[in-house]
């Protein structure tokens, strides 16, 4: 081959390769996907956004949030997540240096005006400093300023001893559509209460809604499934249509605490003393017939009282024990939002959703470590669950999906379409668990970051 021809061929090859490299470096950046506002994740002064990562997320280090075209912050700066300090502390520990890094893909916009529409987009920030095009655009309006129904105005007393069930229920019954029932600072003891459609229950900062230790303050005859034969005590907070129809649009929020008063607290976590430790039940009997020191009849509060009440009616201990109250049970509710509060010390499970669709759990502290059966979230026969920014320090499964038992449940709705991300799981028998009730099937569950 003549030398001149060889040079020309090499030049063509180099030009071609150079063009290839240039095209690769200029490949279009991919925007975040499916920007949205989760169910009821907005009020008169704030809106929460979530989005899915772009396909090339490994090269993305942050996300810029835009309000009406103006950049207002980044996902990594978002201070609204109680999980983020725990996540940051985890990565700051050198023993976790090889752990997979997660991506934060949610943001809460605060300081907004009531009854006002806002337009949002999000852009990915790449490792080399480049910014992606806008995500899809979301237009969301804040709510009107709600009418407030303060439980104190209905006779509630926050001294930690007065039983306030009637006063709190009166405030709920009086609450108009779109209104807010406010539990102000103080400790308000109560038995079972019932929420209704189109309302918010707010547990304010420095407020505690404390479950009564008296089993008579919790109605009996609750059934987990329509075909169940084992009756139970109702929960501290309940929502259930009298005709087993549907309710809608219920929010439970606030910076305060919902305390089930289920068990004795024996200490705190030595590394993170803001996390309580409860006595762990060991319901065995010694050879001499005495009860294990950690038997529920020795360490329980409401848990003990409810078991003893049922045993006094003739039930065996084995039959009575599973019938204790949950902290919160909502049944048949479309659109639910749990946000910001701290849930502690349930006598049984913590937050239970049955036949509930479009449920959001954001920024809740689940502090139930060693509470027997103290699962964080139960999701049963529901469609649509979004869980993010939460801290789970639980006595059983952090999250559990169930779908009924036996042939009767096979015709029910599957438990489906859940998205779980940006949470901190500290203690739990399992982080995200499916079963053991699986008759109607459990499907389309995504846990990430």
Protein backbone atom coordinates (compact mmCIF):
# COMPACT_ATOMS: atom_id res chain seq x y z
CA UNK A 1 0.00 0.00 0.00
CA UNK A 2 1.44 3.44 -0.91
CA UNK A 3 2.45 5.56 2.08
CA UNK A 4 0.17 8.42 1.05
CA UNK A 5 -2.86 6.11 1.04
CA UNK A 6 -1.94 4.72 4.47
CA UNK A 7 -1.74 8.23 5.91
CA UNK A 8 -5.11 9.14 4.45
CA UNK A 9 -6.74 6.00 5.86
CA UNK A 10 -5.26 6.63 9.31
CA UNK A 11 -6.42 10.21 9.20
CA UNK A 12 -9.96 9.12 8.36
CA UNK A 13 -9.91 6.61 11.21
CA UNK A 14 -8.65 9.19 13.69
CA UNK A 15 -11.23 11.74 12.57
CA UNK A 16 -13.94 9.09 12.94
CA UNK A 17 -12.74 8.11 16.41
CA UNK A 18 -12.48 11.73 17.44
CA UNK A 19 -16.04 12.29 16.34
CA UNK A 20 -17.14 9.26 18.33
CA UNK A 21 -15.50 10.52 21.52
CA UNK A 22 -16.97 13.96 21.03
CA UNK A 23 -20.47 12.56 20.58
CA UNK A 24 -20.12 10.41 23.75
CA UNK A 25 -19.02 13.32 25.95
CA UNK A 26 -21.93 15.39 24.69
CA UNK A 27 -24.55 12.70 25.29
CA UNK A 28 -27.80 14.25 26.51
CA UNK A 29 -28.29 14.33 30.27
CA UNK A 30 -31.38 12.60 31.55
CA UNK A 31 -33.85 14.48 33.77
CA UNK A 32 -35.46 13.05 36.92
CA UNK A 33 -38.60 11.06 36.22
CA UNK A 34 -42.18 11.23 37.46
CA UNK A 35 -41.98 14.29 39.68
CA UNK A 36 -45.12 14.32 41.82
CA UNK A 37 -46.73 15.28 45.11
CA UNK A 38 -47.60 12.11 47.08
CA UNK A 39 -51.11 11.64 48.43
CA UNK A 40 -52.07 14.52 50.77
CA UNK A 41 -48.41 15.62 51.11
CA UNK A 42 -49.36 19.28 51.18
CA UNK A 43 -51.15 21.74 53.44
CA UNK A 44 -51.69 25.49 53.74
CA UNK A 45 -47.96 26.28 53.99
CA UNK A 46 -45.94 23.37 52.56
CA UNK A 47 -45.72 20.95 49.63
CA UNK A 48 -43.61 17.80 49.47
CA UNK A 49 -42.15 16.57 46.19
CA UNK A 50 -40.82 13.14 45.24
CA UNK A 51 -39.29 11.92 42.01
CA UNK A 52 -37.72 8.84 40.46
CA UNK A 53 -34.06 8.74 39.53
CA UNK A 54 -32.88 8.94 35.93
CA UNK A 55 -31.47 5.77 34.38
CA UNK A 56 -27.89 7.09 34.68
CA UNK A 57 -28.29 7.86 38.40
CA UNK A 58 -24.81 6.54 39.23
CA UNK A 59 -23.38 9.79 37.83
CA UNK A 60 -25.84 12.03 39.72
CA UNK A 61 -24.78 13.60 43.02
CA UNK A 62 -27.75 15.85 43.85
CA UNK A 63 -30.95 17.44 42.57
CA UNK A 64 -31.83 21.12 42.21
CA UNK A 65 -35.43 22.09 43.00
CA UNK A 66 -37.08 24.94 41.11
CA UNK A 67 -40.16 26.89 42.22
CA UNK A 68 -41.81 28.98 39.51
CA UNK A 69 -38.55 28.77 37.56
CA UNK A 70 -36.27 29.86 40.42
CA UNK A 71 -33.86 27.48 42.16
CA UNK A 72 -34.81 27.19 45.86
CA UNK A 73 -32.61 24.38 47.17
CA UNK A 74 -31.21 20.90 46.71
CA UNK A 75 -32.32 17.47 47.82
CA UNK A 76 -29.16 17.04 49.91
CA UNK A 77 -29.90 20.29 51.77
CA UNK A 78 -33.46 19.29 52.64
CA UNK A 79 -33.74 19.66 56.41
CA UNK A 80 -37.25 18.24 56.67
CA UNK A 81 -36.24 14.60 57.08
CA UNK A 82 -35.74 13.12 60.58
CA UNK A 83 -33.99 10.20 58.87
CA UNK A 84 -31.25 12.31 57.29
CA UNK A 85 -29.19 12.95 60.48
CA UNK A 86 -29.12 9.20 61.14
CA UNK A 87 -28.15 8.49 57.52
CA UNK A 88 -25.38 11.11 57.68
CA UNK A 89 -24.11 9.64 60.95
CA UNK A 90 -24.05 6.18 59.39
CA UNK A 91 -21.85 7.32 56.51
CA UNK A 92 -19.61 9.34 58.85
CA UNK A 93 -18.67 6.10 60.64
CA UNK A 94 -15.47 4.85 59.01
CA UNK A 95 -16.55 1.24 59.48
CA UNK A 96 -19.29 1.91 56.92
CA UNK A 97 -16.95 3.42 54.32
CA UNK A 98 -17.66 0.66 51.81
CA UNK A 99 -21.44 0.90 52.17
CA UNK A 100 -23.44 1.80 49.08
CA UNK A 101 -24.23 5.51 48.95
CA UNK A 102 -27.90 6.38 48.62
CA UNK A 103 -29.57 9.16 46.68
CA UNK A 104 -32.07 11.53 48.29
CA UNK A 105 -34.97 12.20 45.94
CA UNK A 106 -37.55 14.12 47.91
CA UNK A 107 -37.90 17.73 49.04
CA UNK A 108 -40.35 19.65 51.23
CA UNK A 109 -41.01 23.25 50.24
CA UNK A 110 -42.04 25.38 53.22
CA UNK A 111 -43.09 28.97 53.84
CA UNK A 112 -45.80 28.93 51.18
CA UNK A 113 -49.05 30.90 51.13
CA UNK A 114 -52.50 29.32 51.58
CA UNK A 115 -54.73 28.72 48.56
CA UNK A 116 -51.92 29.42 46.11
CA UNK A 117 -50.79 27.45 43.05
CA UNK A 118 -47.07 26.76 42.62
CA UNK A 119 -45.14 25.26 39.72
CA UNK A 120 -42.22 22.91 40.36
CA UNK A 121 -39.50 21.20 38.34
CA UNK A 122 -36.39 19.29 39.40
CA UNK A 123 -33.03 18.94 37.64
CA UNK A 124 -30.33 16.35 38.28
CA UNK A 125 -26.82 17.57 39.15
CA UNK A 126 -24.09 15.38 37.66
CA UNK A 127 -20.70 14.66 39.14
CA UNK A 128 -18.98 16.93 36.60
CA UNK A 129 -21.21 19.86 37.61
CA UNK A 130 -23.58 19.75 34.66
CA UNK A 131 -27.32 20.06 35.21
CA UNK A 132 -29.96 18.00 33.43
CA UNK A 133 -33.00 19.40 31.66
CA UNK A 134 -36.14 19.94 33.72
CA UNK A 135 -38.22 17.05 34.93
CA UNK A 136 -41.89 17.03 34.15
CA UNK A 137 -43.65 20.08 35.55
CA UNK A 138 -45.95 19.78 38.57
CA UNK A 139 -48.52 22.42 39.50
CA UNK A 140 -49.84 22.06 43.04
CA UNK A 141 -51.98 24.37 45.16
CA UNK A 142 -51.71 24.71 48.89
CA UNK A 143 -54.90 24.29 50.89
CA UNK A 144 -56.88 27.08 52.46
CA UNK A 145 -56.02 27.89 56.07
CA UNK A 146 -57.94 25.25 58.03
CA UNK A 147 -60.42 25.95 60.76
CA UNK A 148 -58.86 24.81 64.05
CA UNK A 149 -60.72 22.67 66.59
CA UNK A 150 -58.54 22.76 69.71
CA UNK A 151 -59.39 19.86 72.02
CA UNK A 152 -58.92 22.15 75.05
CA UNK A 153 -61.93 24.15 73.87
CA UNK A 154 -63.98 20.95 74.21
CA UNK A 155 -62.86 20.25 77.77
CA UNK A 156 -59.60 18.33 77.35
CA UNK A 157 -57.02 18.72 80.13
CA UNK A 158 -53.34 18.05 79.41
CA UNK A 159 -52.25 16.97 82.89
CA UNK A 160 -51.39 13.37 81.99
CA UNK A 161 -54.06 11.88 84.26
CA UNK A 162 -57.47 13.24 83.22
CA UNK A 163 -59.26 10.95 80.76
CA UNK A 164 -60.06 13.07 77.70
CA UNK A 165 -61.75 10.58 75.37
CA UNK A 166 -65.10 12.39 75.28
CA UNK A 167 -63.55 15.82 74.83
CA UNK A 168 -61.27 14.72 71.98
CA UNK A 169 -64.08 12.85 70.24
CA UNK A 170 -66.30 15.92 70.59
CA UNK A 171 -63.67 18.02 68.81
CA UNK A 172 -63.43 15.42 66.04
CA UNK A 173 -67.20 15.26 65.66
CA UNK A 174 -67.38 19.06 65.45
CA UNK A 175 -64.57 19.32 62.90
CA UNK A 176 -65.83 20.61 59.55
CA UNK A 177 -64.56 19.35 56.18
CA UNK A 178 -60.98 20.46 55.69
CA UNK A 179 -60.61 21.33 59.37
CA UNK A 180 -57.90 20.43 61.84
CA UNK A 181 -58.29 18.92 65.31
CA UNK A 182 -55.38 20.23 67.37
CA UNK A 183 -53.79 18.50 70.34
CA UNK A 184 -51.76 21.35 71.91
CA UNK A 185 -48.75 21.14 74.22
CA UNK A 186 -49.40 18.92 77.22
CA UNK A 187 -50.05 15.24 77.90
CA UNK A 188 -53.60 14.25 77.05
CA UNK A 189 -54.69 10.79 78.17
CA UNK A 190 -57.40 9.16 76.10
CA UNK A 191 -59.07 5.91 75.20
CA UNK A 192 -60.03 4.91 71.67
CA UNK A 193 -61.01 7.74 69.33
CA UNK A 194 -62.48 7.67 65.81
CA UNK A 195 -61.45 9.93 62.94
CA UNK A 196 -63.63 10.78 59.94
CA UNK A 197 -63.23 11.89 56.33
CA UNK A 198 -61.68 15.19 55.27
CA UNK A 199 -59.90 16.08 58.49
CA UNK A 200 -56.45 16.49 59.98
CA UNK A 201 -55.41 15.40 63.47
CA UNK A 202 -52.35 17.39 64.56
CA UNK A 203 -50.26 16.47 67.59
CA UNK A 204 -48.42 19.74 68.22
CA UNK A 205 -44.83 20.14 69.37
CA UNK A 206 -44.50 19.25 73.08
CA UNK A 207 -47.87 17.46 72.95
CA UNK A 208 -48.41 13.80 73.79
CA UNK A 209 -51.55 11.83 73.04
CA UNK A 210 -51.26 9.15 75.72
CA UNK A 211 -53.19 5.92 75.58
CA UNK A 212 -55.16 5.03 78.69
CA UNK A 213 -53.92 2.01 80.64
CA UNK A 214 -57.53 0.97 81.36
CA UNK A 215 -58.79 -1.75 78.96
CA UNK A 216 -62.36 -0.53 79.49
CA UNK A 217 -61.43 2.59 77.50
CA UNK A 218 -61.02 0.51 74.32
CA UNK A 219 -64.10 -1.13 72.79
CA UNK A 220 -63.80 -4.81 71.99
CA UNK A 221 -65.07 -6.88 69.00
CA UNK A 222 -62.66 -5.49 66.36
CA UNK A 223 -62.02 -8.01 63.55
CA UNK A 224 -58.80 -7.95 61.52
CA UNK A 225 -60.60 -9.52 58.54
CA UNK A 226 -64.32 -9.72 57.84
CA UNK A 227 -64.16 -13.50 58.16
CA UNK A 228 -62.05 -13.46 61.35
CA UNK A 229 -63.39 -15.16 64.44
CA UNK A 230 -60.80 -13.83 66.90
CA UNK A 231 -62.03 -10.48 68.18
CA UNK A 232 -59.63 -7.82 69.39
CA UNK A 233 -59.57 -4.49 71.19
CA UNK A 234 -59.86 -1.42 68.98
CA UNK A 235 -56.83 0.84 68.59
CA UNK A 236 -55.99 4.12 70.26
CA UNK A 237 -56.71 5.97 66.97
CA UNK A 238 -59.23 4.44 64.56
CA UNK A 239 -61.00 5.22 61.31
CA UNK A 240 -63.68 2.90 60.00
CA UNK A 241 -66.95 3.70 58.28
CA UNK A 242 -69.93 2.38 60.29
CA UNK A 243 -71.21 0.50 57.23
CA UNK A 244 -67.71 -0.73 56.30
CA UNK A 245 -67.77 1.62 53.32
CA UNK A 246 -65.06 4.08 52.40
CA UNK A 247 -63.67 7.12 54.14
CA UNK A 248 -61.35 9.62 52.46
CA UNK A 249 -58.68 12.24 53.06
CA UNK A 250 -57.40 11.72 56.59
CA UNK A 251 -54.14 13.27 57.80
CA UNK A 252 -52.33 12.55 61.09
CA UNK A 253 -49.46 14.99 61.53
CA UNK A 254 -47.46 17.08 63.97
CA UNK A 255 -44.19 17.35 65.86
CA UNK A 256 -45.62 15.69 68.97
CA UNK A 257 -45.89 12.11 70.24
CA UNK A 258 -48.53 9.38 70.11
CA UNK A 259 -47.85 7.02 73.02
CA UNK A 260 -49.66 3.69 73.25
CA UNK A 261 -48.65 3.14 76.91
CA UNK A 262 -48.22 -0.54 76.14
CA UNK A 263 -45.09 -1.59 78.07
CA UNK A 264 -42.64 -0.48 80.73
CA UNK A 265 -39.64 1.43 79.46
CA UNK A 266 -36.37 0.04 80.85
CA UNK A 267 -33.84 2.47 79.41
CA UNK A 268 -32.57 4.20 76.30
CA UNK A 269 -30.28 3.28 73.43
CA UNK A 270 -26.70 3.79 74.72
CA UNK A 271 -25.54 5.21 71.37
CA UNK A 272 -28.61 7.30 70.62
CA UNK A 273 -30.32 8.13 73.93
CA UNK A 274 -33.30 9.79 72.23
CA UNK A 275 -34.42 6.26 71.30
CA UNK A 276 -36.26 4.43 74.12
CA UNK A 277 -35.84 0.76 74.96
CA UNK A 278 -38.84 -1.16 76.28
CA UNK A 279 -38.96 -4.40 78.24
CA UNK A 280 -38.91 -7.40 75.89
CA UNK A 281 -41.72 -9.87 76.56
CA UNK A 282 -40.80 -13.49 77.26
CA UNK A 283 -44.08 -15.17 78.02
CA UNK A 284 -42.78 -18.38 79.55
CA UNK A 285 -43.39 -20.06 82.91
CA UNK A 286 -40.65 -21.33 85.21
CA UNK A 287 -40.55 -24.93 86.48
CA UNK A 288 -41.96 -23.84 89.82
CA UNK A 289 -44.97 -22.30 88.07
CA UNK A 290 -43.85 -18.70 88.48
CA UNK A 291 -43.86 -16.35 85.51
CA UNK A 292 -40.73 -15.28 83.69
CA UNK A 293 -39.73 -11.81 84.98
CA UNK A 294 -40.30 -10.51 81.44
CA UNK A 295 -43.74 -12.04 81.11
CA UNK A 296 -46.34 -9.55 79.84
CA UNK A 297 -48.13 -9.81 83.19
CA UNK A 298 -44.96 -8.45 84.81
CA UNK A 299 -43.77 -5.84 82.30
CA UNK A 300 -46.90 -4.80 80.44
CA UNK A 301 -49.02 -1.71 81.07
CA UNK A 302 -51.98 -1.58 78.66
CA UNK A 303 -50.76 -4.86 77.17
CA UNK A 304 -51.00 -6.52 80.59
CA UNK A 305 -54.36 -4.96 81.44
CA UNK A 306 -56.01 -6.07 78.21
CA UNK A 307 -54.70 -9.62 78.50
CA UNK A 308 -55.87 -9.89 82.11
CA UNK A 309 -59.33 -8.54 81.25
CA UNK A 310 -59.78 -11.22 78.60
CA UNK A 311 -58.44 -13.98 80.82
CA UNK A 312 -61.00 -12.94 83.43
CA UNK A 313 -63.69 -13.73 80.84
CA UNK A 314 -62.39 -17.29 80.49
CA UNK A 315 -59.95 -17.00 77.57
CA UNK A 316 -56.63 -18.77 77.88
CA UNK A 317 -53.48 -16.68 77.95
CA UNK A 318 -52.52 -17.97 74.49
CA UNK A 319 -55.87 -16.87 73.07
CA UNK A 320 -55.97 -13.52 74.90
CA UNK A 321 -52.46 -12.32 74.12
CA UNK A 322 -52.80 -11.50 70.36
CA UNK A 323 -55.95 -9.42 70.94
CA UNK A 324 -54.20 -6.29 72.28
CA UNK A 325 -54.77 -2.82 70.79
CA UNK A 326 -52.74 -1.33 67.97
CA UNK A 327 -51.65 2.29 68.16
CA UNK A 328 -53.41 3.36 64.93
CA UNK A 329 -55.71 1.35 62.65
CA UNK A 330 -57.34 2.86 59.57
CA UNK A 331 -59.71 0.71 57.52
CA UNK A 332 -61.21 1.54 54.13
CA UNK A 333 -59.70 5.01 53.72
CA UNK A 334 -58.76 6.48 50.34
CA UNK A 335 -55.94 9.03 50.64
CA UNK A 336 -54.08 8.96 53.95
CA UNK A 337 -51.12 10.99 55.16
CA UNK A 338 -49.01 10.32 58.25
CA UNK A 339 -46.33 12.93 58.82
CA UNK A 340 -43.88 14.30 61.34
CA UNK A 341 -45.04 12.76 64.63
CA UNK A 342 -43.30 10.26 66.88
CA UNK A 343 -45.03 6.91 67.51
CA UNK A 344 -44.00 5.07 70.67
CA UNK A 345 -44.88 2.09 72.84
CA UNK A 346 -47.88 0.39 71.21
CA UNK A 347 -49.47 -2.51 73.05
CA UNK A 348 -49.41 -4.38 69.72
CA UNK A 349 -48.68 -3.06 66.20
CA UNK A 350 -48.05 0.62 65.47
CA UNK A 351 -49.63 1.92 62.23
CA UNK A 352 -52.02 -0.49 60.49
CA UNK A 353 -53.73 0.24 57.15
CA UNK A 354 -56.40 -2.18 55.90
CA UNK A 355 -58.13 -1.66 52.53
CA UNK A 356 -56.53 1.80 52.39
CA UNK A 357 -55.39 3.24 49.06
CA UNK A 358 -52.93 6.03 48.32
CA UNK A 359 -51.19 6.15 51.69
CA UNK A 360 -48.19 8.38 52.43
CA UNK A 361 -45.93 7.95 55.47
CA UNK A 362 -43.31 10.71 55.65
CA UNK A 363 -41.02 11.84 58.42
CA UNK A 364 -42.43 9.66 61.20
CA UNK A 365 -40.26 8.39 64.07
CA UNK A 366 -41.20 4.80 64.98
CA UNK A 367 -39.75 4.19 68.46
CA UNK A 368 -40.98 0.75 69.52
CA UNK A 369 -37.75 -1.18 70.14
CA UNK A 370 -38.45 -4.43 72.01
CA UNK A 371 -42.20 -3.79 72.24
CA UNK A 372 -43.57 -7.25 71.51
CA UNK A 373 -45.22 -7.30 68.04
CA UNK A 374 -44.25 -3.62 67.71
CA UNK A 375 -44.21 -3.57 63.88
CA UNK A 376 -43.85 -0.09 62.41
CA UNK A 377 -46.19 -0.13 59.39
CA UNK A 378 -48.70 -2.81 58.39
CA UNK A 379 -50.21 -2.57 54.88
CA UNK A 380 -53.04 -5.00 54.10
CA UNK A 381 -55.20 -5.26 50.94
CA UNK A 382 -54.21 -1.76 49.82
CA UNK A 383 -53.14 -0.15 46.54
CA UNK A 384 -50.56 2.62 46.72
CA UNK A 385 -48.13 3.24 49.58
CA UNK A 386 -45.28 5.79 49.62
CA UNK A 387 -42.88 5.66 52.58
CA UNK A 388 -39.91 8.03 52.93
CA UNK A 389 -37.87 10.06 55.45
CA UNK A 390 -38.91 7.83 58.36
CA UNK A 391 -36.86 6.37 61.21
CA UNK A 392 -37.66 2.79 62.22
CA UNK A 393 -36.44 1.50 65.59
CA UNK A 394 -38.99 -1.25 66.08
CA UNK A 395 -39.78 -4.25 68.21
CA UNK A 396 -40.78 -6.42 65.25
CA UNK A 397 -40.80 -5.86 61.48
CA UNK A 398 -40.18 -2.27 60.44
CA UNK A 399 -42.66 -2.68 57.58
CA UNK A 400 -44.89 -5.64 56.87
CA UNK A 401 -47.15 -6.40 53.92
CA UNK A 402 -50.04 -8.82 54.43
CA UNK A 403 -52.87 -10.00 52.20
CA UNK A 404 -55.25 -12.14 54.21
CA UNK A 405 -55.58 -15.82 55.05
CA UNK A 406 -57.24 -18.73 53.30
CA UNK A 407 -59.72 -19.01 50.45
CA UNK A 408 -61.88 -16.15 51.73
CA UNK A 409 -59.07 -13.67 51.12
CA UNK A 410 -58.10 -14.86 47.64
CA UNK A 411 -60.88 -12.71 46.16
CA UNK A 412 -59.66 -9.62 48.01
CA UNK A 413 -57.40 -6.88 46.64
CA UNK A 414 -53.70 -7.67 46.51
CA UNK A 415 -51.38 -5.54 48.62
CA UNK A 416 -49.60 -3.65 45.87
CA UNK A 417 -47.75 -0.66 44.47
CA UNK A 418 -45.50 0.45 47.31
CA UNK A 419 -42.45 2.72 47.02
CA UNK A 420 -40.08 2.84 50.01
CA UNK A 421 -36.98 5.07 49.99
CA UNK A 422 -34.78 7.46 52.00
CA UNK A 423 -35.64 5.82 55.34
CA UNK A 424 -33.37 4.80 58.21
CA UNK A 425 -33.90 1.29 59.60
CA UNK A 426 -32.10 0.87 62.94
CA UNK A 427 -33.71 -2.11 64.71
CA UNK A 428 -36.30 -4.56 63.44
CA UNK A 429 -36.82 -8.24 62.80
CA UNK A 430 -36.88 -7.28 59.12
CA UNK A 431 -36.80 -3.97 57.26
CA UNK A 432 -39.35 -4.71 54.50
CA UNK A 433 -41.22 -7.97 55.04
CA UNK A 434 -43.94 -9.79 53.09
CA UNK A 435 -46.22 -12.22 54.91
CA UNK A 436 -47.09 -14.37 56.65
CA UNK A 437 -50.64 -13.53 55.46
CA UNK A 438 -50.36 -13.79 51.65
CA UNK A 439 -53.65 -15.18 50.29
CA UNK A 440 -54.55 -12.28 47.95
CA UNK A 441 -50.91 -11.78 46.89
CA UNK A 442 -48.33 -9.08 47.48
CA UNK A 443 -46.80 -7.40 44.44
CA UNK A 444 -45.06 -4.37 42.96
CA UNK A 445 -43.02 -3.40 46.03
CA UNK A 446 -39.93 -1.24 45.43
CA UNK A 447 -37.48 -0.51 48.22
CA UNK A 448 -34.47 1.64 47.36
CA UNK A 449 -32.01 4.20 48.74
